[in-house]
Each structure stands twice: as structure tokens, then as C-alpha cells.
Amino acid sequence: MQTSRIAIDGIDIRQAVIGEGAPLLMVHGWGASIETLVPLAARLSRQGYRCLMLDLPGFGESAEPAQAWHVRDYVECCLAFLDAYHVPCAHYFGHSLGGRIGLMLAADHPQRINKMTLSNSAGIKPEPGIGQRLRLGLVRSARSSLQKIGARSTAENLRKRYNQQYGSDDFVQASPIMRGTLVNIVEQDLLAYARRAAHPTVLIWGDADEETPLWMGRKLENALPDAALIVHPGAGHYAYLDFPERTASIMDALFRSD
């Protein structure tokens, strides 16, 4: 696979294009890169698709944004990427974070998307457990009290210890800008966007996915106006990589259908 560089809104982006034919925008998940899309793109390129891929800002070999981004910023980045290739409308594939982006893109810019496949899509905000709510409430209360008495350094140390102990690996390992980006993204529930995303959509899921459990796929299927959920048995969060041939065949059937 050959990659090249492109500047999008002043951000240095790594990109790759495989194949010729109907344009297909493919967007990876959090912490991933173009490489996680290539096994699927290689198969689709042989079926007549021009697979356009990029390392999203802050991931892979692309530069970070200047400040913490929201989902909408990534949507605008993907639109600018399509514009750079003079693609007015494309099929879409998104995994995890790429699913979030796809939901908002399809809802707010329906003319830019034809048909869509989302694998293990994020976008539904789960309710925190009682223990998590109590723990977070106590920490916030303690930090507020410390800040009121001028103990800002102690309050900041408390925040850091909480994040180190209870934060996800994605959060702990991220840079300050990408930590802010992660918070912005996971705090936004996209179910309302899903209800407006009327494009024919196939949801690919794994019944062993622990990051975006299968119940999220079922909830998205019910919310999307025209969607079908296909479950790969035994697959995890990267269900499309666990079954790349089957996923490519499903996508091809969707994209070619009337």
C-alpha cells in the first residue's frame, strides 16, 4: 500500500487510495489508522470500488488538531477530504469512532452519502452504573471544595489520580489534546442523529464485542430508518476484520442493490 500526504484545514494528513470505481470513504476507529482498513479495502478494491482512506487527525501518522475536537470537526474533515478528490457523493464505511462520524455525516449531509456500512459503531452513550456515579460525584465535590479554598494544585492532583485509576487506556495514553477530544466525543449521544440518517445501512457486529456491546447494535438498528444488523458469531470489536471476506461481500451486495 502506498500512502501520501494532504493538508486539510492546515492539518498534515496521511492518506491512501486503493482501487478504481465507485467511491467509498472508509474511516477507522479510535486509536487506529489506515492499516486497520486495508484488509477490507483490498477486497473491495477488487470488486470495483475506489477506497479512500485517511488517518484521522490525532491518529496514525496524521498531525493532531490544534485543540480538542468534537465529532462534528471530524465530519467536516471527512467532507474536506472528499472535496479534495472532487467526490460529491460516496458510499461509506466506518468502524467504531468512524461509525459516530458516519451517523452525523449521514444525518447532516445526506447528499454526500449514498449507502453506509457501520461496524461495531460507537455513538450510544450508556448509562453509568451507580458506583461510577457515586464515585464521580464524590470526586467532583471534593475538587470543588478544594478549589474554593484555593487548593488548586491539590484539586488537580486529585483529578489526575482519578483519571489514572478509573480512566480508560485510551484516555490515559492520549495526549492532552486527544484526551479532551475523547471526552468531547464520548459525552455526545448520537441516537437522535441515527434517527435522521435515512440511508440504506448495514450494521456489522460481533456478539463478543465488549467495547460496543451487541445491545448497542440492536438499539442503532431500531433507531436508523433503513438498517439491518448482521452479527458475526464469535467476533469482537473488530468484527469486520474477523470476517473480512464475508463483510466485503455484504457491503458489495448493499452498494449494488437498487
C-alpha atoms as a PDB file:
ATOM      1  CA  MET A   1       0.000   0.000   0.000  1.00  0.00           C
ATOM      2  CA  GLN A   2       1.279   3.444  -0.917  1.00  0.00           C
ATOM      3  CA  THR A   3       0.380   6.442   1.201  1.00  0.00           C
ATOM      4  CA  SER A   4       0.767  10.161   0.582  1.00  0.00           C
ATOM      5  CA  ARG A   5       0.198  13.419   2.428  1.00  0.00           C
ATOM      6  CA  ILE A   6      -2.531  16.007   2.090  1.00  0.00           C
ATOM      7  CA  ALA A   7      -3.242  19.216   4.016  1.00  0.00           C
ATOM      8  CA  ILE A   8      -6.799  19.567   5.277  1.00  0.00           C
ATOM      9  CA  ASP A   9      -7.584  22.841   7.023  1.00  0.00           C
ATOM     10  CA  GLY A  10      -3.895  23.261   7.783  1.00  0.00           C
ATOM     11  CA  ILE A  11      -3.504  19.767   9.288  1.00  0.00           C
ATOM     12  CA  ASP A  12      -0.990  17.357   7.756  1.00  0.00           C
ATOM     13  CA  ILE A  13      -2.905  14.178   6.929  1.00  0.00           C
ATOM     14  CA  ARG A  14      -1.710  10.767   5.753  1.00  0.00           C
ATOM     15  CA  GLN A  15      -3.978   9.229   3.118  1.00  0.00           C
ATOM     16  CA  ALA A  16      -4.281   6.215   0.847  1.00  0.00           C
ATOM     17  CA  VAL A  17      -6.443   5.373  -2.148  1.00  0.00           C
ATOM     18  CA  ILE A  18      -6.888   1.794  -3.382  1.00  0.00           C
ATOM     19  CA  GLY A  19      -8.788   0.671  -6.459  1.00  0.00           C
ATOM     20  CA  GLU A  20     -10.941   2.242  -9.156  1.00  0.00           C
ATOM     21  CA  GLY A  21     -14.694   2.548  -9.480  1.00  0.00           C
ATOM     22  CA  ALA A  22     -17.470   3.722  -7.194  1.00  0.00           C
ATOM     23  CA  PRO A  23     -16.016   5.955  -4.444  1.00  0.00           C
ATOM     24  CA  LEU A  24     -16.065   4.510  -0.930  1.00  0.00           C
ATOM     25  CA  LEU A  25     -14.950   6.588   2.053  1.00  0.00           C
ATOM     26  CA  MET A  26     -13.539   4.350   4.796  1.00  0.00           C
ATOM     27  CA  VAL A  27     -12.973   5.714   8.309  1.00  0.00           C
ATOM     28  CA  HIS A  28     -11.178   3.911  11.137  1.00  0.00           C
ATOM     29  CA  GLY A  29     -11.901   3.861  14.863  1.00  0.00           C
ATOM     30  CA  TRP A  30     -10.298   5.446  17.905  1.00  0.00           C
ATOM     31  CA  GLY A  31      -6.588   4.706  18.241  1.00  0.00           C
ATOM     32  CA  ALA A  32      -6.465   3.021  14.832  1.00  0.00           C
ATOM     33  CA  SER A  33      -5.220   4.029  11.384  1.00  0.00           C
ATOM     34  CA  ILE A  34      -5.414   3.250   7.675  1.00  0.00           C
ATOM     35  CA  GLU A  35      -3.699  -0.100   8.299  1.00  0.00           C
ATOM     36  CA  THR A  36      -6.780  -1.470  10.072  1.00  0.00           C
ATOM     37  CA  LEU A  37      -8.875  -0.730   6.974  1.00  0.00           C
ATOM     38  CA  VAL A  38      -6.561  -2.177   4.329  1.00  0.00           C
ATOM     39  CA  PRO A  39      -7.600  -5.873   4.635  1.00  0.00           C
ATOM     40  CA  LEU A  40     -11.200  -4.874   3.863  1.00  0.00           C
ATOM     41  CA  ALA A  41     -10.263  -2.193   1.306  1.00  0.00           C
ATOM     42  CA  ALA A  42      -8.078  -4.640  -0.635  1.00  0.00           C
ATOM     43  CA  ARG A  43     -11.025  -6.965  -1.120  1.00  0.00           C
ATOM     44  CA  LEU A  44     -13.446  -4.169  -2.029  1.00  0.00           C
ATOM     45  CA  SER A  45     -10.992  -2.647  -4.486  1.00  0.00           C
ATOM     46  CA  ARG A  46     -11.085  -5.925  -6.433  1.00  0.00           C
ATOM     47  CA  GLN A  47     -14.873  -5.684  -6.535  1.00  0.00           C
ATOM     48  CA  GLY A  48     -14.887  -2.303  -8.264  1.00  0.00           C
ATOM     49  CA  TYR A  49     -14.578   0.302  -5.503  1.00  0.00           C
ATOM     50  CA  ARG A  50     -12.232   3.230  -5.123  1.00  0.00           C
ATOM     51  CA  CYS A  51     -11.432   3.104  -1.410  1.00  0.00           C
ATOM     52  CA  LEU A  52     -10.459   6.490   0.024  1.00  0.00           C
ATOM     53  CA  MET A  53      -8.856   6.317   3.474  1.00  0.00           C
ATOM     54  CA  LEU A  54      -7.140   8.728   5.830  1.00  0.00           C
ATOM     55  CA  ASP A  55      -5.538   8.701   9.247  1.00  0.00           C
ATOM     56  CA  LEU A  56      -7.910  10.935  11.157  1.00  0.00           C
ATOM     57  CA  PRO A  57      -6.239  13.944  12.830  1.00  0.00           C
ATOM     58  CA  GLY A  58      -4.586  12.764  16.031  1.00  0.00           C
ATOM     59  CA  PHE A  59      -4.232   9.154  14.868  1.00  0.00           C
ATOM     60  CA  GLY A  60      -1.762   7.109  12.850  1.00  0.00           C
ATOM     61  CA  GLU A  61       0.702   9.390  11.112  1.00  0.00           C
ATOM     62  CA  SER A  62      -1.583  12.424  10.856  1.00  0.00           C
ATOM     63  CA  ALA A  63      -0.945  15.520  12.943  1.00  0.00           C
ATOM     64  CA  GLU A  64      -3.115  16.366  15.930  1.00  0.00           C
ATOM     65  CA  PRO A  65      -5.636  19.188  15.712  1.00  0.00           C
ATOM     66  CA  ALA A  66      -4.640  22.426  17.443  1.00  0.00           C
ATOM     67  CA  GLN A  67      -7.332  21.928  20.071  1.00  0.00           C
ATOM     68  CA  ALA A  68      -9.698  19.242  21.267  1.00  0.00           C
ATOM     69  CA  TRP A  69     -12.164  18.233  18.557  1.00  0.00           C
ATOM     70  CA  HIS A  70     -15.786  17.126  18.575  1.00  0.00           C
ATOM     71  CA  VAL A  71     -17.455  14.599  16.273  1.00  0.00           C
ATOM     72  CA  ARG A  72     -18.589  17.466  14.053  1.00  0.00           C
ATOM     73  CA  ASP A  73     -14.980  18.508  13.447  1.00  0.00           C
ATOM     74  CA  TYR A  74     -14.163  15.020  12.172  1.00  0.00           C
ATOM     75  CA  VAL A  75     -17.244  15.150   9.943  1.00  0.00           C
ATOM     76  CA  GLU A  76     -16.012  18.415   8.415  1.00  0.00           C
ATOM     77  CA  CYS A  77     -12.563  16.878   7.943  1.00  0.00           C
ATOM     78  CA  CYS A  78     -14.043  13.924   6.038  1.00  0.00           C
ATOM     79  CA  LEU A  79     -16.093  16.263   3.847  1.00  0.00           C
ATOM     80  CA  ALA A  80     -12.969  18.278   3.045  1.00  0.00           C
ATOM     81  CA  PHE A  81     -11.180  15.018   2.214  1.00  0.00           C
ATOM     82  CA  LEU A  82     -13.923  14.091  -0.269  1.00  0.00           C
ATOM     83  CA  ASP A  83     -13.801  17.604  -1.711  1.00  0.00           C
ATOM     84  CA  ALA A  84     -10.049  17.263  -2.265  1.00  0.00           C
ATOM     85  CA  TYR A  85     -10.804  14.300  -4.541  1.00  0.00           C
ATOM     86  CA  HIS A  86     -13.807  16.048  -6.158  1.00  0.00           C
ATOM     87  CA  VAL A  87     -16.164  13.369  -4.848  1.00  0.00           C
ATOM     88  CA  PRO A  88     -19.673  14.816  -4.409  1.00  0.00           C
ATOM     89  CA  CYS A  89     -21.176  11.587  -3.040  1.00  0.00           C
ATOM     90  CA  ALA A  90     -19.672   8.313  -1.806  1.00  0.00           C
ATOM     91  CA  HIS A  91     -20.555   5.083  -0.115  1.00  0.00           C
ATOM     92  CA  TYR A  92     -19.370   4.998   3.486  1.00  0.00           C
ATOM     93  CA  PHE A  93     -17.732   2.517   5.837  1.00  0.00           C
ATOM     94  CA  GLY A  94     -16.978   3.412   9.436  1.00  0.00           C
ATOM     95  CA  HIS A  95     -15.685   1.421  12.377  1.00  0.00           C
ATOM     96  CA  SER A  96     -16.322   2.462  16.000  1.00  0.00           C
ATOM     97  CA  LEU A  97     -15.419   6.198  16.016  1.00  0.00           C
ATOM     98  CA  GLY A  98     -15.862   6.041  12.238  1.00  0.00           C
ATOM     99  CA  GLY A  99     -19.424   4.924  12.971  1.00  0.00           C
ATOM    100  CA  ARG A 100     -20.037   8.032  15.054  1.00  0.00           C
ATOM    101  CA  ILE A 101     -18.757  10.150  12.203  1.00  0.00           C
ATOM    102  CA  GLY A 102     -20.938   8.286   9.712  1.00  0.00           C
ATOM    103  CA  LEU A 103     -24.110   8.803  11.751  1.00  0.00           C
ATOM    104  CA  MET A 104     -23.615  12.568  11.940  1.00  0.00           C
ATOM    105  CA  LEU A 105     -22.403  12.812   8.356  1.00  0.00           C
ATOM    106  CA  ALA A 106     -25.439  10.959   7.013  1.00  0.00           C
ATOM    107  CA  ALA A 107     -27.866  12.952   9.177  1.00  0.00           C
ATOM    108  CA  ASP A 108     -26.488  16.428   8.494  1.00  0.00           C
ATOM    109  CA  HIS A 109     -25.108  15.979   4.965  1.00  0.00           C
ATOM    110  CA  PRO A 110     -27.368  13.352   3.368  1.00  0.00           C
ATOM    111  CA  GLN A 111     -26.453  14.421  -0.151  1.00  0.00           C
ATOM    112  CA  ARG A 112     -22.819  13.393   0.406  1.00  0.00           C
ATOM    113  CA  ILE A 113     -23.532   9.771   1.356  1.00  0.00           C
ATOM    114  CA  ASN A 114     -25.041   7.036  -0.806  1.00  0.00           C
ATOM    115  CA  LYS A 115     -25.196   3.809   1.237  1.00  0.00           C
ATOM    116  CA  MET A 116     -23.495   3.040   4.505  1.00  0.00           C
ATOM    117  CA  THR A 117     -21.946   0.157   6.424  1.00  0.00           C
ATOM    118  CA  LEU A 118     -21.017   0.642  10.070  1.00  0.00           C
ATOM    119  CA  SER A 119     -19.025  -1.941  12.018  1.00  0.00           C
ATOM    120  CA  ASN A 120     -19.254  -2.003  15.828  1.00  0.00           C
ATOM    121  CA  SER A 121     -20.317   1.624  15.739  1.00  0.00           C
ATOM    122  CA  ALA A 122     -19.957   3.825  18.770  1.00  0.00           C
ATOM    123  CA  GLY A 123     -22.426   6.646  19.314  1.00  0.00           C
ATOM    124  CA  ILE A 124     -24.804   5.418  22.005  1.00  0.00           C
ATOM    125  CA  LYS A 125     -23.963   6.716  25.440  1.00  0.00           C
ATOM    126  CA  PRO A 126     -24.541   4.041  28.106  1.00  0.00           C
ATOM    127  CA  GLU A 127     -25.925   4.997  31.478  1.00  0.00           C
ATOM    128  CA  PRO A 128     -23.167   4.954  34.132  1.00  0.00           C
ATOM    129  CA  GLY A 129     -23.552   2.438  36.934  1.00  0.00           C
ATOM    130  CA  ILE A 130     -24.493   3.515  40.450  1.00  0.00           C
ATOM    131  CA  GLY A 131     -20.952   3.018  41.721  1.00  0.00           C
ATOM    132  CA  GLN A 132     -19.483   5.086  38.913  1.00  0.00           C
ATOM    133  CA  ARG A 133     -21.972   7.915  39.500  1.00  0.00           C
ATOM    134  CA  LEU A 134     -21.286   7.973  43.239  1.00  0.00           C
ATOM    135  CA  ARG A 135     -17.518   7.861  42.768  1.00  0.00           C
ATOM    136  CA  LEU A 136     -17.539  10.639  40.179  1.00  0.00           C
ATOM    137  CA  GLY A 137     -19.889  12.746  42.310  1.00  0.00           C
ATOM    138  CA  LEU A 138     -17.612  12.473  45.335  1.00  0.00           C
ATOM    139  CA  VAL A 139     -14.522  13.406  43.335  1.00  0.00           C
ATOM    140  CA  ARG A 140     -16.238  16.398  41.762  1.00  0.00           C
ATOM    141  CA  SER A 141     -17.482  17.561  45.145  1.00  0.00           C
ATOM    142  CA  ALA A 142     -14.013  17.215  46.664  1.00  0.00           C
ATOM    143  CA  ARG A 143     -12.377  19.090  43.792  1.00  0.00           C
ATOM    144  CA  SER A 144     -14.924  21.899  44.056  1.00  0.00           C
ATOM    145  CA  SER A 145     -14.276  22.254  47.794  1.00  0.00           C
ATOM    146  CA  LEU A 146     -10.506  22.287  47.278  1.00  0.00           C
ATOM    147  CA  GLN A 147     -10.761  24.941  44.568  1.00  0.00           C
ATOM    148  CA  LYS A 148     -12.937  27.149  46.788  1.00  0.00           C
ATOM    149  CA  ILE A 149     -10.256  27.222  49.483  1.00  0.00           C
ATOM    150  CA  GLY A 150      -7.528  27.902  46.938  1.00  0.00           C
ATOM    151  CA  ALA A 151      -6.003  24.426  46.898  1.00  0.00           C
ATOM    152  CA  ARG A 152      -5.971  24.267  43.106  1.00  0.00           C
ATOM    153  CA  SER A 153      -2.842  22.115  42.929  1.00  0.00           C
ATOM    154  CA  THR A 154      -4.368  19.507  45.229  1.00  0.00           C
ATOM    155  CA  ALA A 155      -7.594  19.568  43.231  1.00  0.00           C
ATOM    156  CA  GLU A 156      -5.647  18.993  40.005  1.00  0.00           C
ATOM    157  CA  ASN A 157      -3.680  16.113  41.563  1.00  0.00           C
ATOM    158  CA  LEU A 158      -6.976  14.541  42.655  1.00  0.00           C
ATOM    159  CA  ARG A 159      -8.270  14.768  39.079  1.00  0.00           C
ATOM    160  CA  LYS A 160      -5.105  13.150  37.709  1.00  0.00           C
ATOM    161  CA  ARG A 161      -5.210  10.301  40.250  1.00  0.00           C
ATOM    162  CA  TYR A 162      -8.867   9.640  39.448  1.00  0.00           C
ATOM    163  CA  ASN A 163      -8.161   9.547  35.713  1.00  0.00           C
ATOM    164  CA  GLN A 164      -5.167   7.250  36.180  1.00  0.00           C
ATOM    165  CA  GLN A 165      -7.136   4.825  38.330  1.00  0.00           C
ATOM    166  CA  TYR A 166     -10.507   4.855  36.594  1.00  0.00           C
ATOM    167  CA  GLY A 167      -9.829   6.276  33.121  1.00  0.00           C
ATOM    168  CA  SER A 168      -9.750   4.016  30.088  1.00  0.00           C
ATOM    169  CA  ASP A 169      -6.464   3.037  28.470  1.00  0.00           C
ATOM    170  CA  ASP A 170      -7.409   5.282  25.539  1.00  0.00           C
ATOM    171  CA  PHE A 171      -7.715   8.234  27.901  1.00  0.00           C
ATOM    172  CA  VAL A 172      -4.611   7.553  29.960  1.00  0.00           C
ATOM    173  CA  GLN A 173      -2.368   7.026  26.931  1.00  0.00           C
ATOM    174  CA  ALA A 174      -3.633  10.017  24.937  1.00  0.00           C
ATOM    175  CA  SER A 175      -2.035  13.449  24.681  1.00  0.00           C
ATOM    176  CA  PRO A 176      -3.790  16.354  26.458  1.00  0.00           C
ATOM    177  CA  ILE A 177      -5.485  17.455  23.221  1.00  0.00           C
ATOM    178  CA  MET A 178      -6.670  13.952  22.382  1.00  0.00           C
ATOM    179  CA  ARG A 179      -7.865  13.401  25.950  1.00  0.00           C
ATOM    180  CA  GLY A 180     -10.064  16.437  25.528  1.00  0.00           C
ATOM    181  CA  THR A 181     -11.182  15.084  22.169  1.00  0.00           C
ATOM    182  CA  LEU A 182     -12.076  11.727  23.700  1.00  0.00           C
ATOM    183  CA  VAL A 183     -14.144  13.401  26.425  1.00  0.00           C
ATOM    184  CA  ASN A 184     -15.968  15.540  23.856  1.00  0.00           C
ATOM    185  CA  ILE A 185     -16.731  12.504  21.712  1.00  0.00           C
ATOM    186  CA  VAL A 186     -17.896  10.030  24.346  1.00  0.00           C
ATOM    187  CA  GLU A 187     -20.086  12.631  26.052  1.00  0.00           C
ATOM    188  CA  GLN A 188     -22.199  13.040  22.905  1.00  0.00           C
ATOM    189  CA  ASP A 189     -25.063  10.629  22.340  1.00  0.00           C
ATOM    190  CA  LEU A 190     -25.812  10.314  18.618  1.00  0.00           C
ATOM    191  CA  LEU A 191     -29.095   8.427  18.779  1.00  0.00           C
ATOM    192  CA  ALA A 192     -31.007  11.477  17.524  1.00  0.00           C
ATOM    193  CA  TYR A 193     -28.652  11.671  14.541  1.00  0.00           C
ATOM    194  CA  ALA A 194     -29.215   7.982  13.830  1.00  0.00           C
ATOM    195  CA  ARG A 195     -32.965   8.613  13.564  1.00  0.00           C
ATOM    196  CA  ARG A 196     -32.282  11.158  10.796  1.00  0.00           C
ATOM    197  CA  ALA A 197     -29.778   9.013   8.886  1.00  0.00           C
ATOM    198  CA  ALA A 198     -32.158   7.579   6.304  1.00  0.00           C
ATOM    199  CA  HIS A 199     -29.581   5.969   4.001  1.00  0.00           C
ATOM    200  CA  PRO A 200     -29.737   2.198   3.441  1.00  0.00           C
ATOM    201  CA  THR A 201     -27.396   0.900   6.148  1.00  0.00           C
ATOM    202  CA  VAL A 202     -25.940  -2.426   7.194  1.00  0.00           C
ATOM    203  CA  LEU A 203     -24.621  -2.770  10.741  1.00  0.00           C
ATOM    204  CA  ILE A 204     -21.838  -5.320  11.193  1.00  0.00           C
ATOM    205  CA  TRP A 205     -21.329  -6.515  14.766  1.00  0.00           C
ATOM    206  CA  GLY A 206     -19.634  -9.178  16.826  1.00  0.00           C
ATOM    207  CA  ASP A 207     -21.523 -10.905  19.607  1.00  0.00           C
ATOM    208  CA  ALA A 208     -18.300 -10.941  21.674  1.00  0.00           C
ATOM    209  CA  ASP A 209     -17.733  -7.177  21.405  1.00  0.00           C
ATOM    210  CA  GLU A 210     -17.044  -5.783  24.893  1.00  0.00           C
ATOM    211  CA  GLU A 211     -16.321  -2.176  23.840  1.00  0.00           C
ATOM    212  CA  THR A 212     -19.553  -1.528  21.945  1.00  0.00           C
ATOM    213  CA  PRO A 213     -21.730  -4.441  23.087  1.00  0.00           C
ATOM    214  CA  LEU A 214     -24.287  -6.032  20.812  1.00  0.00           C
ATOM    215  CA  TRP A 215     -27.183  -4.283  22.563  1.00  0.00           C
ATOM    216  CA  MET A 216     -25.858  -1.030  21.074  1.00  0.00           C
ATOM    217  CA  GLY A 217     -26.090  -2.539  17.600  1.00  0.00           C
ATOM    218  CA  ARG A 218     -29.679  -3.575  18.223  1.00  0.00           C
ATOM    219  CA  LYS A 219     -30.532  -0.104  19.509  1.00  0.00           C
ATOM    220  CA  LEU A 220     -28.973   1.504  16.446  1.00  0.00           C
ATOM    221  CA  GLU A 221     -30.850  -0.875  14.153  1.00  0.00           C
ATOM    222  CA  ASN A 222     -34.123   0.231  15.736  1.00  0.00           C
ATOM    223  CA  ALA A 223     -33.197   3.922  15.514  1.00  0.00           C
ATOM    224  CA  LEU A 224     -31.963   4.027  11.912  1.00  0.00           C
ATOM    225  CA  PRO A 225     -34.841   4.348   9.407  1.00  0.00           C
ATOM    226  CA  ASP A 226     -33.442   1.782   6.937  1.00  0.00           C
ATOM    227  CA  ALA A 227     -30.991  -0.583   8.616  1.00  0.00           C
ATOM    228  CA  ALA A 228     -30.228  -4.264   9.023  1.00  0.00           C
ATOM    229  CA  LEU A 229     -27.992  -5.759  11.719  1.00  0.00           C
ATOM    230  CA  ILE A 230     -25.722  -8.668  10.781  1.00  0.00           C
ATOM    231  CA  VAL A 231     -23.895 -10.424  13.621  1.00  0.00           C
ATOM    232  CA  HIS A 232     -20.621 -12.267  13.097  1.00  0.00           C
ATOM    233  CA  PRO A 233     -20.618 -15.060  15.726  1.00  0.00           C
ATOM    234  CA  GLY A 234     -17.601 -15.045  17.990  1.00  0.00           C
ATOM    235  CA  ALA A 235     -16.293 -11.741  16.616  1.00  0.00           C
ATOM    236  CA  GLY A 236     -15.160  -8.928  18.872  1.00  0.00           C
ATOM    237  CA  HIS A 237     -14.878  -5.170  18.453  1.00  0.00           C
ATOM    238  CA  TYR A 238     -13.187  -5.548  15.050  1.00  0.00           C
ATOM    239  CA  ALA A 239     -15.887  -7.806  13.626  1.00  0.00           C
ATOM    240  CA  TYR A 240     -15.167  -6.729  10.050  1.00  0.00           C
ATOM    241  CA  LEU A 241     -11.541  -7.858  10.405  1.00  0.00           C
ATOM    242  CA  ASP A 242     -12.559 -11.146  11.994  1.00  0.00           C
ATOM    243  CA  PHE A 243     -14.684 -11.865   8.897  1.00  0.00           C
ATOM    244  CA  PRO A 244     -13.257  -9.682   6.097  1.00  0.00           C
ATOM    245  CA  GLU A 245     -14.455 -11.782   3.144  1.00  0.00           C
ATOM    246  CA  ARG A 246     -17.983 -12.009   4.453  1.00  0.00           C
ATOM    247  CA  THR A 247     -18.054  -8.314   5.330  1.00  0.00           C
ATOM    248  CA  ALA A 248     -16.818  -7.320   1.859  1.00  0.00           C
ATOM    249  CA  SER A 249     -19.480  -9.498   0.219  1.00  0.00           C
ATOM    250  CA  ILE A 250     -22.208  -7.972   2.397  1.00  0.00           C
ATOM    251  CA  MET A 251     -21.022  -4.446   1.580  1.00  0.00           C
ATOM    252  CA  ASP A 252     -20.873  -5.174  -2.143  1.00  0.00           C
ATOM    253  CA  ALA A 253     -24.409  -6.569  -2.099  1.00  0.00           C
ATOM    254  CA  LEU A 254     -25.665  -3.476  -0.266  1.00  0.00           C
ATOM    255  CA  PHE A 255     -23.890  -0.992  -2.506  1.00  0.00           C
ATOM    256  CA  ARG A 256     -25.050  -2.686  -5.720  1.00  0.00           C
ATOM    257  CA  SER A 257     -28.677  -3.108  -4.628  1.00  0.00           C
ATOM    258  CA  ASP A 258     -31.395  -0.875  -6.096  1.00  0.00           C
END
